[in-house]
Amino acid sequence: MYKHFASVWGDLCRVNYVVPETKRAKTMETLKFKTNIKCGGCIATVTPFLNEAVGEGHWQVDVQTPDKVLTAEASNASVVKQAIEKAGYKAEPLN
């Protein structure tokens, strides 16, 4: 029994499995947005939405700049924009 299992396992390990295109990880980009997020309270409001959309630690807002720039690591700008709008704010891509 063990000999047969080892033979089958060895065969399984040699199989080349190709991950379908839809299952492959998408390339992450650094995206920048002009927003109307102005203060710590605004950041607290958007935090759960952005954490869900792009992941905790993958975004930040610079409220010191006139454009209140949101920088996010994401594969798709529309995902970030939708998260901001869902939180009740505006975001326009800068790049």
Foldseek 3Di string as FASTA:
>chain_A
DVVVVVVVVVVVVPDDDDDDPVPDDAAWDWWKWQKPQADPVSCVLLVVLCCVQQRPPFWDWDNVDPSRMIIGTGRDPVSVQVSSVVSPMGIDTPD
